[in-house]
Amino acid sequence: MPILNYTTKIDPDKTCSEIAKIISKHGAQAVMIEYDQENQLVSSLSFKIDLGGRQIAFRLPVDWRPVQKVLQEQRVRCDQAMAVRVSWRILKDWVAAQMALVETQMVSTQQVFLPYAIMRDGRTLSEKIISDPSMLLESGK
């Protein structure tokens, strides 16, 4: 069975608006949609959430290329536009699922999005840790 949302026809800009509405209900402010300069495709969604009285920026990136590859491996005819649409719908579903955790008070909005917090150097926290995992504890230490 192909991946989630592989038949979507919903425009990425509409999906971004839906995501913005979901996260704004959970404290997000100043939502911004970013576009890839090369081909003008929606490439990420950024927003701010208050954390201890400070506005912390977060960026949810979407890379359509691996989605296209997976769909092609699953023998689904998939061009770039379709991969972009599917990528954004998958992200929207992920955000909605995370907000269900927030609504049940299992986690906070800030906890859910912490890997996507933008650091001073412009990278997200997860990008920073992946490039330098030394800041994490090793197993058994």
Protein backbone atom coordinates (compact mmCIF):
# COMPACT_ATOMS: atom_id res chain seq x y z
CA MET A 1 0.00 0.00 0.00
CA PRO A 2 1.43 3.43 -0.91
CA ILE A 3 2.26 6.00 1.76
CA LEU A 4 -0.26 8.21 3.51
CA ASN A 5 -2.04 10.86 1.42
CA TYR A 6 -0.60 9.64 -1.89
CA THR A 7 -3.79 10.54 -3.75
CA THR A 8 -4.16 14.10 -2.44
CA LYS A 9 -5.02 16.89 -4.83
CA ILE A 10 -4.88 19.60 -2.16
CA ASP A 11 -2.60 22.53 -2.97
CA PRO A 12 0.40 22.94 -0.61
CA ASP A 13 -0.55 26.57 0.13
CA LYS A 14 -3.98 25.42 1.35
CA THR A 15 -2.33 22.74 3.49
CA CYS A 16 0.03 25.34 4.98
CA SER A 17 -2.98 27.46 5.89
CA GLU A 18 -4.54 24.46 7.60
CA ILE A 19 -1.34 23.78 9.55
CA ALA A 20 -1.12 27.46 10.54
CA LYS A 21 -4.68 27.32 11.86
CA ILE A 22 -3.96 24.16 13.87
CA ILE A 23 -0.81 25.51 15.49
CA SER A 24 -2.25 28.99 16.10
CA LYS A 25 -4.91 27.35 18.27
CA HIS A 26 -2.05 26.01 20.38
CA GLY A 27 -0.07 29.20 20.91
CA ALA A 28 1.79 29.76 17.65
CA GLN A 29 2.24 33.35 16.57
CA ALA A 30 3.72 35.04 13.49
CA VAL A 31 3.33 32.09 11.12
CA MET A 32 5.41 32.42 7.94
CA ILE A 33 5.48 30.25 4.82
CA GLU A 34 8.82 30.02 3.06
CA TYR A 35 9.38 29.22 -0.62
CA ASP A 36 12.27 27.56 -2.40
CA GLN A 37 13.96 30.27 -4.49
CA GLU A 38 14.79 27.90 -7.34
CA ASN A 39 11.33 26.61 -8.20
CA GLN A 40 8.98 28.65 -5.96
CA LEU A 41 7.68 25.57 -4.14
CA VAL A 42 6.58 25.83 -0.52
CA SER A 43 9.63 24.60 1.41
CA SER A 44 8.96 25.26 5.09
CA LEU A 45 6.62 26.78 7.60
CA SER A 46 8.00 28.88 10.47
CA PHE A 47 6.29 30.23 13.55
CA LYS A 48 6.90 31.55 17.05
CA ILE A 49 5.72 30.22 20.40
CA ASP A 50 6.23 31.74 23.82
CA LEU A 51 8.60 29.79 26.04
CA GLY A 52 9.17 31.24 29.49
CA GLY A 53 8.31 34.75 28.35
CA ARG A 54 10.54 34.59 25.26
CA GLN A 55 9.41 34.19 21.66
CA ILE A 56 11.11 31.07 20.29
CA ALA A 57 11.12 30.48 16.52
CA PHE A 58 10.44 27.04 15.02
CA ARG A 59 10.73 25.80 11.43
CA LEU A 60 8.93 22.77 10.06
CA PRO A 61 10.76 21.77 6.88
CA VAL A 62 9.33 19.59 4.17
CA ASP A 63 11.51 17.76 1.65
CA TRP A 64 9.45 16.40 -1.21
CA ARG A 65 12.36 14.51 -2.83
CA PRO A 66 12.34 11.46 -0.53
CA VAL A 67 8.56 11.32 -0.78
CA GLN A 68 8.80 11.19 -4.56
CA LYS A 69 11.44 8.46 -4.33
CA VAL A 70 9.32 6.34 -1.97
CA LEU A 71 6.23 6.72 -4.13
CA GLN A 72 8.16 5.76 -7.25
CA GLU A 73 9.56 2.72 -5.42
CA GLN A 74 5.96 1.84 -4.55
CA ARG A 75 5.18 2.01 -8.25
CA VAL A 76 3.05 5.15 -7.95
CA ARG A 77 3.39 7.61 -10.78
CA CYS A 78 4.61 10.72 -9.02
CA ASP A 79 5.89 14.01 -10.39
CA GLN A 80 7.39 16.84 -8.36
CA ALA A 81 4.06 18.63 -7.83
CA MET A 82 2.43 15.48 -6.47
CA ALA A 83 5.37 14.80 -4.14
CA VAL A 84 5.12 18.33 -2.76
CA ARG A 85 1.37 17.98 -2.15
CA VAL A 86 1.79 14.60 -0.44
CA SER A 87 4.69 15.87 1.71
CA TRP A 88 2.65 18.75 3.07
CA ARG A 89 -0.42 16.59 3.76
CA ILE A 90 1.75 14.15 5.70
CA LEU A 91 3.15 17.03 7.75
CA LYS A 92 -0.37 18.36 8.43
CA ASP A 93 -1.48 14.97 9.71
CA TRP A 94 1.64 14.76 11.91
CA VAL A 95 0.96 18.22 13.36
CA ALA A 96 -2.68 17.31 14.04
CA ALA A 97 -1.59 14.11 15.83
CA GLN A 98 0.94 16.05 17.92
CA MET A 99 -1.72 18.58 18.89
CA ALA A 100 -3.89 15.69 20.12
CA LEU A 101 -1.06 14.89 22.56
CA VAL A 102 -1.01 18.55 23.61
CA GLU A 103 -4.79 18.62 24.07
CA THR A 104 -4.63 15.59 26.37
CA GLN A 105 -1.90 17.42 28.35
CA MET A 106 0.58 14.60 27.78
CA VAL A 107 3.08 17.13 26.42
CA SER A 108 3.29 20.86 25.78
CA THR A 109 3.30 22.51 22.37
CA GLN A 110 6.89 23.59 23.04
CA GLN A 111 7.95 19.99 23.77
CA VAL A 112 6.40 18.72 20.55
CA PHE A 113 8.20 21.25 18.40
CA LEU A 114 11.50 21.47 20.32
CA PRO A 115 13.52 19.58 17.65
CA TYR A 116 12.46 22.30 15.20
CA ALA A 117 13.51 25.25 17.39
CA ILE A 118 15.74 27.56 15.35
CA MET A 119 19.19 28.07 16.85
CA ARG A 120 21.26 31.26 16.57
CA ASP A 121 23.13 29.83 13.57
CA GLY A 122 19.88 29.32 11.64
CA ARG A 123 19.82 25.53 11.99
CA THR A 124 17.15 23.71 13.92
CA LEU A 125 18.02 22.00 17.20
CA SER A 126 17.68 18.59 15.55
CA GLU A 127 20.01 19.61 12.70
CA LYS A 128 22.56 20.80 15.25
CA ILE A 129 22.40 17.58 17.28
CA ILE A 130 22.62 15.39 14.19
CA SER A 131 25.74 17.24 13.05
CA ASP A 132 27.26 17.11 16.58
CA PRO A 133 25.76 14.38 18.79
CA SER A 134 28.42 14.92 21.48
CA MET A 135 25.97 17.04 23.48
CA LEU A 136 23.80 13.97 24.09
CA LEU A 137 24.44 11.31 26.74
CA GLU A 138 25.71 8.02 25.45
CA SER A 139 23.91 4.85 26.45
CA GLY A 140 25.05 3.61 29.86
CA LYS A 141 26.95 6.75 30.80
